[in-house]
């Protein structure tokens, strides 16, 4: 498993969607513009997240995307696993099969398992809601600093 641009974009886009103060859907074009994500790529990402029931879409003039579940219940780990698959730094981690046929379990598998657990702990610690709250603070501080400089 390699953390792809898809997961990174998805987390940023979901954070932006969570920052939407209005309780109405937000369009992909607007999210893509705000986060500087290629719109076509974001459409594909949101399609996968919709199929995974993380977000839902509404068509029409007031259409767009909204969350299908509380943002507190969506972790970065959830997003990464939906888009990139299970976290496994090596084939033999998490009970996987070694690349050497008929190889016994070796000492290095402990390293890969520990790395997997560390990534899962970090990614699992952050929810989309917590990222949105941190971003809201950052933007508020940046706005305040910009206003003070005028």
N, C-alpha and C. Protein backbone atom coordinates (compact mmCIF):
# COMPACT_ATOMS: atom_id res chain seq x y z
N UNK A 1 0.84 -1.18 0.00
CA UNK A 1 0.00 0.00 0.00
C UNK A 1 0.88 1.23 0.00
N UNK A 2 0.60 2.10 -0.89
CA UNK A 2 1.28 3.38 -0.95
C UNK A 2 0.22 4.46 -0.82
N UNK A 3 0.47 5.42 0.03
CA UNK A 3 -0.48 6.51 0.19
C UNK A 3 -0.48 7.31 -1.10
N UNK A 4 -1.61 7.33 -1.78
CA UNK A 4 -1.68 7.97 -3.08
C UNK A 4 -2.19 9.41 -2.98
N UNK A 5 -2.03 10.12 -4.09
CA UNK A 5 -2.54 11.48 -4.18
C UNK A 5 -4.06 11.46 -4.02
N UNK A 6 -4.67 10.36 -4.45
CA UNK A 6 -6.12 10.23 -4.35
C UNK A 6 -6.58 10.39 -2.89
N UNK A 7 -5.91 9.69 -1.97
CA UNK A 7 -6.28 9.79 -0.56
C UNK A 7 -6.02 11.18 0.00
N UNK A 8 -4.89 11.75 -0.37
CA UNK A 8 -4.56 13.10 0.11
C UNK A 8 -5.59 14.11 -0.36
N UNK A 9 -5.94 14.05 -1.64
CA UNK A 9 -6.98 14.94 -2.17
C UNK A 9 -8.32 14.70 -1.48
N UNK A 10 -8.66 13.44 -1.27
CA UNK A 10 -9.95 13.11 -0.66
C UNK A 10 -10.07 13.69 0.74
N UNK A 11 -9.02 13.56 1.54
CA UNK A 11 -9.06 14.10 2.90
C UNK A 11 -9.22 15.61 2.86
N UNK A 12 -8.48 16.28 1.98
CA UNK A 12 -8.61 17.74 1.86
C UNK A 12 -10.01 18.13 1.39
N UNK A 13 -10.54 17.41 0.42
CA UNK A 13 -11.87 17.73 -0.11
C UNK A 13 -12.96 17.50 0.93
N UNK A 14 -12.85 16.41 1.68
CA UNK A 14 -13.84 16.13 2.72
C UNK A 14 -13.75 17.17 3.83
N UNK A 15 -12.54 17.60 4.16
CA UNK A 15 -12.38 18.66 5.15
C UNK A 15 -13.06 19.94 4.66
N UNK A 16 -12.88 20.26 3.38
CA UNK A 16 -13.50 21.46 2.82
C UNK A 16 -15.02 21.34 2.85
N UNK A 17 -15.53 20.16 2.54
CA UNK A 17 -16.97 19.93 2.59
C UNK A 17 -17.48 20.10 4.02
N UNK A 18 -16.70 19.64 5.00
CA UNK A 18 -17.09 19.78 6.40
C UNK A 18 -17.06 21.24 6.86
N UNK A 19 -16.25 22.06 6.21
CA UNK A 19 -16.18 23.48 6.55
C UNK A 19 -17.37 24.26 6.02
N UNK A 20 -18.14 23.66 5.15
CA UNK A 20 -19.30 24.32 4.55
C UNK A 20 -20.29 24.69 5.65
N UNK A 21 -20.42 25.94 5.92
CA UNK A 21 -21.27 26.42 7.01
C UNK A 21 -22.76 26.21 6.73
N UNK A 22 -23.11 26.31 5.48
CA UNK A 22 -24.51 26.13 5.10
C UNK A 22 -24.84 24.64 5.12
N UNK A 23 -26.06 24.32 5.40
CA UNK A 23 -26.45 22.91 5.44
C UNK A 23 -26.98 22.46 4.08
N UNK A 24 -26.41 23.01 3.02
CA UNK A 24 -26.82 22.60 1.69
C UNK A 24 -25.63 21.95 0.99
N UNK A 25 -25.91 21.12 0.00
CA UNK A 25 -24.81 20.43 -0.70
C UNK A 25 -23.83 21.41 -1.35
N UNK A 26 -22.61 20.96 -1.47
CA UNK A 26 -21.55 21.77 -2.08
C UNK A 26 -21.07 21.04 -3.33
N UNK A 27 -20.92 21.77 -4.42
CA UNK A 27 -20.52 21.18 -5.69
C UNK A 27 -19.05 20.83 -5.77
N UNK A 28 -18.74 19.84 -6.59
CA UNK A 28 -17.36 19.40 -6.79
C UNK A 28 -16.51 20.54 -7.33
N UNK A 29 -17.05 21.32 -8.25
CA UNK A 29 -16.27 22.42 -8.85
C UNK A 29 -15.81 23.41 -7.78
N UNK A 30 -16.68 23.72 -6.85
CA UNK A 30 -16.34 24.67 -5.79
C UNK A 30 -15.29 24.09 -4.84
N UNK A 31 -15.46 22.83 -4.46
CA UNK A 31 -14.49 22.18 -3.58
C UNK A 31 -13.14 22.10 -4.27
N UNK A 32 -13.16 21.70 -5.54
CA UNK A 32 -11.92 21.58 -6.32
C UNK A 32 -11.21 22.93 -6.42
N UNK A 33 -11.97 23.99 -6.64
CA UNK A 33 -11.39 25.33 -6.74
C UNK A 33 -10.76 25.75 -5.41
N UNK A 34 -11.50 25.55 -4.33
CA UNK A 34 -11.00 25.97 -3.02
C UNK A 34 -9.74 25.22 -2.60
N UNK A 35 -9.67 23.95 -2.94
CA UNK A 35 -8.54 23.12 -2.52
C UNK A 35 -7.50 22.91 -3.62
N UNK A 36 -7.73 23.52 -4.77
CA UNK A 36 -6.80 23.39 -5.91
C UNK A 36 -6.55 21.92 -6.28
N UNK A 37 -7.66 21.21 -6.45
CA UNK A 37 -7.65 19.80 -6.83
C UNK A 37 -8.23 19.71 -8.24
N UNK A 38 -7.64 18.92 -9.13
CA UNK A 38 -8.23 18.77 -10.46
C UNK A 38 -9.68 18.26 -10.36
N UNK A 39 -10.60 19.01 -10.97
CA UNK A 39 -12.02 18.72 -10.82
C UNK A 39 -12.39 17.31 -11.29
N UNK A 40 -11.88 16.91 -12.44
CA UNK A 40 -12.20 15.57 -12.96
C UNK A 40 -11.76 14.48 -12.00
N UNK A 41 -10.58 14.65 -11.43
CA UNK A 41 -10.05 13.67 -10.49
C UNK A 41 -10.91 13.64 -9.23
N UNK A 42 -11.34 14.81 -8.77
CA UNK A 42 -12.18 14.88 -7.58
C UNK A 42 -13.53 14.22 -7.84
N UNK A 43 -14.07 14.35 -9.03
CA UNK A 43 -15.32 13.67 -9.37
C UNK A 43 -15.17 12.16 -9.22
N UNK A 44 -14.05 11.62 -9.68
CA UNK A 44 -13.80 10.18 -9.55
C UNK A 44 -13.68 9.78 -8.08
N UNK A 45 -12.95 10.57 -7.33
CA UNK A 45 -12.77 10.30 -5.90
C UNK A 45 -14.11 10.32 -5.18
N UNK A 46 -14.91 11.35 -5.45
CA UNK A 46 -16.21 11.45 -4.80
C UNK A 46 -17.14 10.31 -5.22
N UNK A 47 -16.99 9.82 -6.43
CA UNK A 47 -17.77 8.65 -6.85
C UNK A 47 -17.47 7.45 -5.96
N UNK A 48 -16.20 7.23 -5.67
CA UNK A 48 -15.81 6.12 -4.79
C UNK A 48 -16.31 6.34 -3.36
N UNK A 49 -16.21 7.56 -2.88
CA UNK A 49 -16.67 7.86 -1.52
C UNK A 49 -18.19 7.76 -1.41
N UNK A 50 -18.88 8.09 -2.50
CA UNK A 50 -20.34 7.95 -2.51
C UNK A 50 -20.73 6.48 -2.46
N UNK A 51 -20.05 5.65 -3.26
CA UNK A 51 -20.33 4.21 -3.25
C UNK A 51 -20.03 3.57 -1.89
N UNK A 52 -19.11 4.17 -1.15
CA UNK A 52 -18.76 3.67 0.18
C UNK A 52 -19.67 4.27 1.27
N UNK A 53 -20.66 5.07 0.86
CA UNK A 53 -21.63 5.70 1.77
C UNK A 53 -21.01 6.69 2.75
N UNK A 54 -19.93 7.33 2.35
CA UNK A 54 -19.34 8.38 3.16
C UNK A 54 -20.04 9.70 2.86
N UNK A 55 -20.33 9.92 1.58
CA UNK A 55 -21.03 11.13 1.14
C UNK A 55 -22.21 10.71 0.27
N UNK A 56 -23.11 11.66 0.07
CA UNK A 56 -24.24 11.43 -0.83
C UNK A 56 -24.35 12.62 -1.76
N UNK A 57 -24.96 12.39 -2.90
CA UNK A 57 -25.06 13.47 -3.88
C UNK A 57 -26.52 13.82 -4.14
N UNK A 58 -26.69 15.07 -4.54
CA UNK A 58 -28.01 15.56 -4.93
C UNK A 58 -27.85 16.23 -6.28
N UNK A 59 -28.72 15.90 -7.21
CA UNK A 59 -28.67 16.49 -8.54
C UNK A 59 -29.49 17.77 -8.59
N UNK A 60 -29.27 18.53 -9.63
CA UNK A 60 -30.10 19.70 -9.87
C UNK A 60 -29.40 21.00 -9.57
N UNK A 61 -30.18 22.07 -9.67
CA UNK A 61 -29.65 23.43 -9.51
C UNK A 61 -29.03 23.64 -8.14
N UNK A 62 -29.59 23.04 -7.12
CA UNK A 62 -29.06 23.17 -5.77
C UNK A 62 -28.38 21.87 -5.34
N UNK A 63 -27.81 21.19 -6.33
CA UNK A 63 -27.18 19.89 -6.08
C UNK A 63 -25.76 20.02 -5.57
N UNK A 64 -25.19 18.88 -5.35
CA UNK A 64 -23.82 18.81 -4.85
C UNK A 64 -23.68 17.63 -3.92
N UNK A 65 -22.70 17.72 -3.04
CA UNK A 65 -22.41 16.63 -2.11
C UNK A 65 -22.59 17.09 -0.68
N UNK A 66 -22.97 16.14 0.14
CA UNK A 66 -23.06 16.34 1.58
C UNK A 66 -22.68 15.03 2.24
N UNK A 67 -22.45 15.04 3.51
CA UNK A 67 -22.04 13.83 4.21
C UNK A 67 -23.22 12.90 4.44
N UNK A 68 -22.97 11.62 4.32
CA UNK A 68 -23.99 10.60 4.57
C UNK A 68 -23.92 10.12 6.01
N UNK A 69 -22.92 10.57 6.73
CA UNK A 69 -22.74 10.18 8.13
C UNK A 69 -22.05 11.33 8.87
N UNK A 70 -22.09 11.32 10.19
CA UNK A 70 -21.43 12.40 10.93
C UNK A 70 -19.92 12.43 10.66
N UNK A 71 -19.39 13.62 10.50
CA UNK A 71 -17.96 13.76 10.19
C UNK A 71 -17.07 13.29 11.33
N UNK A 72 -17.61 13.23 12.54
CA UNK A 72 -16.85 12.71 13.68
C UNK A 72 -16.59 11.22 13.53
N UNK A 73 -17.41 10.55 12.73
CA UNK A 73 -17.29 9.10 12.55
C UNK A 73 -16.45 8.71 11.33
N UNK A 74 -15.94 9.69 10.61
CA UNK A 74 -15.13 9.41 9.41
C UNK A 74 -13.69 9.75 9.73
N UNK A 75 -12.85 8.73 9.82
CA UNK A 75 -11.43 8.97 10.12
C UNK A 75 -10.62 9.04 8.83
N UNK A 76 -9.44 9.59 8.95
CA UNK A 76 -8.51 9.59 7.82
C UNK A 76 -8.22 8.15 7.42
N UNK A 77 -8.13 7.26 8.40
CA UNK A 77 -7.91 5.84 8.12
C UNK A 77 -9.02 5.28 7.25
N UNK A 78 -10.27 5.62 7.55
CA UNK A 78 -11.40 5.15 6.73
C UNK A 78 -11.21 5.58 5.28
N UNK A 79 -10.88 6.84 5.08
CA UNK A 79 -10.74 7.39 3.73
C UNK A 79 -9.60 6.70 2.99
N UNK A 80 -8.46 6.56 3.66
CA UNK A 80 -7.30 5.91 3.04
C UNK A 80 -7.63 4.47 2.65
N UNK A 81 -8.29 3.73 3.54
CA UNK A 81 -8.60 2.33 3.24
C UNK A 81 -9.65 2.20 2.14
N UNK A 82 -10.59 3.13 2.07
CA UNK A 82 -11.58 3.10 0.99
C UNK A 82 -10.89 3.30 -0.36
N UNK A 83 -9.99 4.26 -0.42
CA UNK A 83 -9.39 4.64 -1.70
C UNK A 83 -8.11 3.88 -2.05
N UNK A 84 -7.31 3.53 -1.06
CA UNK A 84 -6.02 2.89 -1.33
C UNK A 84 -5.94 1.45 -0.85
N UNK A 85 -6.93 1.00 -0.13
CA UNK A 85 -6.91 -0.37 0.38
C UNK A 85 -6.29 -0.44 1.77
N UNK A 86 -6.22 -1.65 2.26
CA UNK A 86 -5.70 -1.90 3.60
C UNK A 86 -4.25 -1.45 3.71
N UNK A 87 -3.90 -0.89 4.86
CA UNK A 87 -2.53 -0.45 5.08
C UNK A 87 -1.66 -1.67 5.35
N UNK A 88 -0.72 -1.90 4.44
CA UNK A 88 0.24 -3.00 4.58
C UNK A 88 1.56 -2.54 4.00
N UNK A 89 2.50 -2.12 4.85
CA UNK A 89 3.78 -1.63 4.34
C UNK A 89 4.60 -2.71 3.62
N UNK A 90 4.32 -3.95 3.90
CA UNK A 90 5.02 -5.06 3.22
C UNK A 90 4.02 -6.19 3.00
N UNK A 91 4.29 -7.03 2.04
CA UNK A 91 3.37 -8.12 1.73
C UNK A 91 3.15 -9.04 2.92
N UNK A 92 4.17 -9.17 3.77
CA UNK A 92 4.04 -10.11 4.88
C UNK A 92 3.40 -9.50 6.11
N UNK A 93 3.09 -8.21 6.10
CA UNK A 93 2.46 -7.62 7.27
C UNK A 93 0.97 -7.91 7.27
N UNK A 94 0.38 -7.84 8.44
CA UNK A 94 -1.05 -8.09 8.63
C UNK A 94 -1.47 -9.46 8.14
N UNK A 95 -0.61 -10.44 8.35
CA UNK A 95 -0.97 -11.81 7.97
C UNK A 95 -0.84 -12.10 6.50
N UNK A 96 -0.21 -11.21 5.76
CA UNK A 96 -0.03 -11.43 4.32
C UNK A 96 1.01 -12.50 4.04
N UNK A 97 1.14 -12.85 2.80
CA UNK A 97 2.07 -13.90 2.38
C UNK A 97 3.39 -13.29 1.96
N UNK A 98 4.47 -13.90 2.37
CA UNK A 98 5.81 -13.45 2.00
C UNK A 98 6.01 -13.61 0.50
N UNK A 99 6.85 -12.76 -0.07
CA UNK A 99 7.13 -12.86 -1.51
C UNK A 99 8.00 -14.06 -1.84
N UNK A 100 8.60 -14.68 -0.83
CA UNK A 100 9.40 -15.88 -1.04
C UNK A 100 8.50 -17.09 -0.77
N UNK A 101 8.36 -17.95 -1.75
CA UNK A 101 7.48 -19.11 -1.61
C UNK A 101 7.93 -19.98 -0.44
N UNK A 102 6.97 -20.43 0.34
CA UNK A 102 7.20 -21.33 1.48
C UNK A 102 8.17 -20.77 2.51
N UNK A 103 8.28 -19.47 2.64
CA UNK A 103 9.19 -18.88 3.62
C UNK A 103 8.52 -18.89 5.00
N UNK A 104 9.30 -19.17 6.03
CA UNK A 104 8.74 -19.09 7.38
C UNK A 104 8.56 -17.62 7.76
N UNK A 105 7.78 -17.39 8.78
CA UNK A 105 7.59 -16.03 9.28
C UNK A 105 8.95 -15.52 9.77
N UNK A 106 9.39 -14.39 9.29
CA UNK A 106 10.72 -13.89 9.67
C UNK A 106 10.60 -12.72 10.64
N UNK A 107 11.72 -12.38 11.23
CA UNK A 107 11.75 -11.30 12.22
C UNK A 107 11.36 -9.96 11.63
N UNK A 108 11.58 -9.76 10.34
CA UNK A 108 11.26 -8.46 9.74
C UNK A 108 9.76 -8.20 9.69
N UNK A 109 8.96 -9.25 9.71
CA UNK A 109 7.51 -9.04 9.66
C UNK A 109 7.04 -8.24 10.88
N UNK A 110 7.75 -8.35 12.00
CA UNK A 110 7.40 -7.56 13.19
C UNK A 110 7.57 -6.07 12.92
N UNK A 111 8.61 -5.72 12.17
CA UNK A 111 8.85 -4.31 11.82
C UNK A 111 7.70 -3.79 10.99
N UNK A 112 7.30 -4.56 9.98
CA UNK A 112 6.22 -4.13 9.08
C UNK A 112 4.89 -4.05 9.82
N UNK A 113 4.67 -5.00 10.74
CA UNK A 113 3.43 -4.95 11.53
C UNK A 113 3.41 -3.73 12.44
N UNK A 114 4.56 -3.40 13.03
CA UNK A 114 4.64 -2.23 13.89
C UNK A 114 4.41 -0.94 13.08
N UNK A 115 4.97 -0.89 11.89
CA UNK A 115 4.77 0.27 11.01
C UNK A 115 3.29 0.40 10.63
N UNK A 116 2.67 -0.72 10.32
CA UNK A 116 1.24 -0.71 9.97
C UNK A 116 0.42 -0.19 11.15
N UNK A 117 0.70 -0.70 12.34
CA UNK A 117 -0.05 -0.28 13.53
C UNK A 117 0.14 1.22 13.80
N UNK A 118 1.36 1.71 13.61
CA UNK A 118 1.61 3.14 13.83
C UNK A 118 0.81 4.00 12.85
N UNK A 119 0.83 3.62 11.57
CA UNK A 119 0.05 4.37 10.57
C UNK A 119 -1.44 4.31 10.89
N UNK A 120 -1.93 3.13 11.24
CA UNK A 120 -3.35 3.00 11.57
C UNK A 120 -3.71 3.87 12.77
N UNK A 121 -2.83 3.93 13.77
CA UNK A 121 -3.10 4.75 14.95
C UNK A 121 -3.14 6.23 14.61
N UNK A 122 -2.19 6.69 13.82
CA UNK A 122 -2.16 8.11 13.45
C UNK A 122 -3.37 8.45 12.58
N UNK A 123 -3.59 7.69 11.53
CA UNK A 123 -4.71 7.97 10.63
C UNK A 123 -6.06 7.80 11.34
N UNK A 124 -6.13 6.87 12.27
CA UNK A 124 -7.37 6.65 13.00
C UNK A 124 -7.66 7.72 14.04
N UNK A 125 -6.64 8.43 14.46
CA UNK A 125 -6.77 9.46 15.49
C UNK A 125 -7.47 10.72 14.97
N UNK A 126 -7.39 10.96 13.68
CA UNK A 126 -7.94 12.19 13.10
C UNK A 126 -9.24 11.92 12.35
N UNK A 127 -10.27 12.65 12.74
CA UNK A 127 -11.54 12.57 12.01
C UNK A 127 -11.62 13.75 11.06
N UNK A 128 -12.54 13.65 10.11
CA UNK A 128 -12.77 14.78 9.21
C UNK A 128 -13.24 15.99 10.02
N UNK A 129 -14.03 15.75 11.06
CA UNK A 129 -14.50 16.85 11.92
C UNK A 129 -13.33 17.54 12.62
N UNK A 130 -12.38 16.76 13.14
CA UNK A 130 -11.25 17.37 13.85
C UNK A 130 -10.35 18.15 12.90
N UNK A 131 -10.18 17.64 11.68
CA UNK A 131 -9.39 18.38 10.69
C UNK A 131 -10.08 19.68 10.30
N UNK A 132 -11.40 19.62 10.14
CA UNK A 132 -12.15 20.83 9.78
C UNK A 132 -12.06 21.87 10.90
N UNK A 133 -12.13 21.42 12.15
CA UNK A 133 -12.02 22.34 13.28
C UNK A 133 -10.64 23.01 13.30
N UNK A 134 -9.60 22.22 13.07
CA UNK A 134 -8.24 22.77 13.04
C UNK A 134 -8.07 23.75 11.88
N UNK A 135 -8.64 23.41 10.73
CA UNK A 135 -8.55 24.29 9.56
C UNK A 135 -9.32 25.59 9.79
N UNK A 136 -10.46 25.48 10.45
CA UNK A 136 -11.26 26.67 10.76
C UNK A 136 -10.44 27.63 11.64
N UNK A 137 -9.74 27.07 12.62
CA UNK A 137 -8.87 27.88 13.48
C UNK A 137 -7.75 28.53 12.69
N UNK A 138 -7.11 27.73 11.82
CA UNK A 138 -6.01 28.25 10.99
C UNK A 138 -6.49 29.40 10.11
N UNK A 139 -7.62 29.21 9.47
CA UNK A 139 -8.15 30.25 8.59
C UNK A 139 -8.54 31.49 9.37
N UNK A 140 -9.09 31.28 10.57
CA UNK A 140 -9.45 32.42 11.42
C UNK A 140 -8.23 33.21 11.84
N UNK A 141 -7.17 32.50 12.21
CA UNK A 141 -5.92 33.16 12.61
C UNK A 141 -5.30 33.90 11.43
N UNK A 142 -5.33 33.29 10.26
CA UNK A 142 -4.77 33.93 9.06
C UNK A 142 -5.56 35.18 8.71
N UNK A 143 -6.88 35.10 8.83
CA UNK A 143 -7.74 36.25 8.53
C UNK A 143 -7.47 37.38 9.53
N UNK A 144 -7.34 37.01 10.79
CA UNK A 144 -7.08 38.00 11.83
C UNK A 144 -5.73 38.68 11.60
N UNK A 145 -4.71 37.89 11.23
CA UNK A 145 -3.39 38.45 10.96
C UNK A 145 -3.42 39.37 9.75
N UNK A 146 -4.15 38.97 8.72
CA UNK A 146 -4.26 39.80 7.51
C UNK A 146 -4.98 41.10 7.82
N UNK A 147 -6.02 41.03 8.65
CA UNK A 147 -6.77 42.23 9.02
C UNK A 147 -5.92 43.18 9.86
N UNK A 148 -5.09 42.64 10.71
CA UNK A 148 -4.23 43.46 11.57
C UNK A 148 -3.15 44.17 10.76
N UNK A 149 -2.77 43.57 9.64
CA UNK A 149 -1.73 44.15 8.80
C UNK A 149 -2.21 45.26 7.89
N UNK A 150 -3.49 45.51 7.87
CA UNK A 150 -4.05 46.55 6.98
C UNK A 150 -3.92 47.92 7.55
